[in-house]
């Protein structure tokens, strides 16, 4: 507690336990969404009972939450997760003008049921979409990469090979 009994919040608006002023953590769960061991409880009662399973859903793109900036996260609501038959933290494919993948998280309760997806700037750039566009989202099975190739965006000055020797 801070001065005069008020809680202290960090620069992202979260207290020392990781909850914002409304009692939600960074993934949009409130304190009641976890069991006593801290394990996440996926509350199926929050999902509509008459959900039809779909392979793809189409949602309107909105800006990411401040905390999600650069984390490779898309956020969708409970009903959309139910339609895709996916769970929190599962990998999904986002199809805009281009195709990309991201980790799927739940929207905050205030955004539930609005037919939106919150996507960070990196993923919007990768999928060639803008705020206000629509994207289709599909559940996928993530396969570990066998090989990753990293190339520079532009040529730089030559590097002395002595810097690459083992220390």
Foldseek 3Di string as FASTA:
>chain_A
DDPPPDFDADPLQAGPVQAHPVQAHPLQHHPVQADPVRHGHDDCVVEDPPQAADQKDKAAEDAARPVCAPVQEKEAAPNVCVNQVHDAQAKKWKADVHIDIGGYTYDHPVCHPPRHMHGHPVVCVVNVHDHGGMIMMGGDDDDDDPDDDDDDPDDDDDDDCVVVDDD
